[in-house]
Protein backbone atom coordinates (compact mmCIF):
# COMPACT_ATOMS: atom_id res chain seq x y z
CA LEU A 1 -63.74 14.40 -60.22
CA ALA A 2 -61.03 16.74 -61.51
CA ALA A 3 -57.69 17.96 -60.21
CA ASP A 4 -58.54 21.42 -61.58
CA LYS A 5 -62.20 22.28 -61.98
CA ALA A 6 -61.58 25.36 -64.16
CA SER A 7 -59.50 23.57 -66.77
CA GLY A 8 -60.98 20.10 -66.30
CA GLN A 9 -57.50 18.66 -65.75
CA ALA A 10 -57.80 15.06 -64.60
CA PHE A 11 -56.07 13.44 -61.66
CA ASP A 12 -53.21 11.06 -62.38
CA PRO A 13 -55.02 7.76 -63.09
CA HIS A 14 -52.61 5.90 -60.81
CA LEU A 15 -54.05 7.76 -57.81
CA GLY A 16 -57.39 5.95 -58.17
CA VAL A 17 -59.39 8.97 -57.04
CA GLY A 18 -62.64 7.51 -58.35
CA MET A 19 -62.15 4.31 -56.37
CA ARG A 20 -61.27 6.33 -53.27
CA CYS A 21 -64.55 8.22 -53.64
CA ARG A 22 -66.39 4.94 -54.22
CA ALA A 23 -64.99 3.57 -50.95
CA HIS A 24 -66.36 6.61 -49.11
CA CYS A 25 -69.70 6.08 -50.87
CA PHE A 26 -70.01 2.49 -49.74
CA ALA A 27 -68.91 3.36 -46.19
CA SER A 28 -71.64 6.03 -46.13
CA GLY A 29 -74.40 3.74 -47.40
CA LEU A 30 -74.43 5.27 -50.88
CA ILE A 31 -74.01 3.17 -54.00
CA MET A 32 -72.23 5.01 -56.81
CA ARG A 33 -70.12 3.45 -59.50
CA ALA A 34 -66.67 4.78 -60.35
CA VAL A 35 -65.79 4.87 -64.05
CA GLY A 36 -62.29 6.25 -63.91
CA ASP A 37 -62.76 9.48 -61.98
CA ARG A 38 -66.39 9.83 -63.02
CA MET A 39 -69.00 8.91 -60.46
CA ILE A 40 -72.17 7.32 -61.83
CA ILE A 41 -75.43 7.11 -59.93
CA ALA A 42 -78.72 5.57 -61.06
CA PRO A 43 -81.41 6.67 -58.64
CA PRO A 44 -84.94 5.29 -58.87
CA LEU A 45 -87.24 7.20 -61.18
CA ILE A 46 -89.78 7.67 -58.39
CA MET A 47 -88.32 9.55 -55.44
CA THR A 48 -89.79 11.91 -52.91
CA ARG A 49 -88.33 15.34 -52.29
CA ALA A 50 -86.99 14.01 -48.98
CA ASP A 51 -85.30 11.12 -50.81
CA LEU A 52 -83.68 13.55 -53.25
CA ASP A 53 -82.50 15.77 -50.40
CA GLU A 54 -80.95 12.79 -48.60
CA LEU A 55 -79.28 11.62 -51.81
CA ALA A 56 -77.80 15.08 -52.42
CA ASN A 57 -76.58 15.27 -48.81
CA ARG A 58 -74.91 11.87 -49.02
CA ILE A 59 -73.24 12.76 -52.31
CA ARG A 60 -71.98 16.04 -50.82
CA THR A 61 -70.66 14.16 -47.79
CA VAL A 62 -68.69 11.59 -49.80
CA LEU A 63 -67.26 14.27 -52.09
CA ASP A 64 -66.14 16.22 -49.01
CA LEU A 65 -64.61 13.08 -47.49
CA THR A 66 -62.75 12.37 -50.73
CA MET A 67 -61.48 15.96 -50.89
CA GLN A 68 -60.29 15.77 -47.26
CA GLU A 69 -58.45 12.51 -47.96
CA LEU A 70 -56.71 13.98 -51.02
CA ARG A 71 -55.72 17.09 -49.06
CA ARG A 72 -54.33 15.01 -46.15
CA GLU A 73 -52.15 13.15 -48.63
CA GLY A 74 -51.03 16.35 -50.37
CA ILE A 75 -52.63 15.32 -53.67
CA TRP A 76 -55.01 18.26 -53.86
CA PRO A 77 -54.48 21.82 -52.57
């Protein structure tokens, strides 16, 4: 997760953006680990295409929820 994707500029660590995203993950039934503002996932090695599609959709959802939260709070444009 980055404040500026083009430059890779990080969010202020005091904002806890990774932990905010993690909270959305858990609320959405997705287990991802926050390491700073990096989100780590360890999916099973054997997954069906449908499983992969659902995983990608859940990840997209929690990233969108995190972005919406940061925008509501004026942290991200």
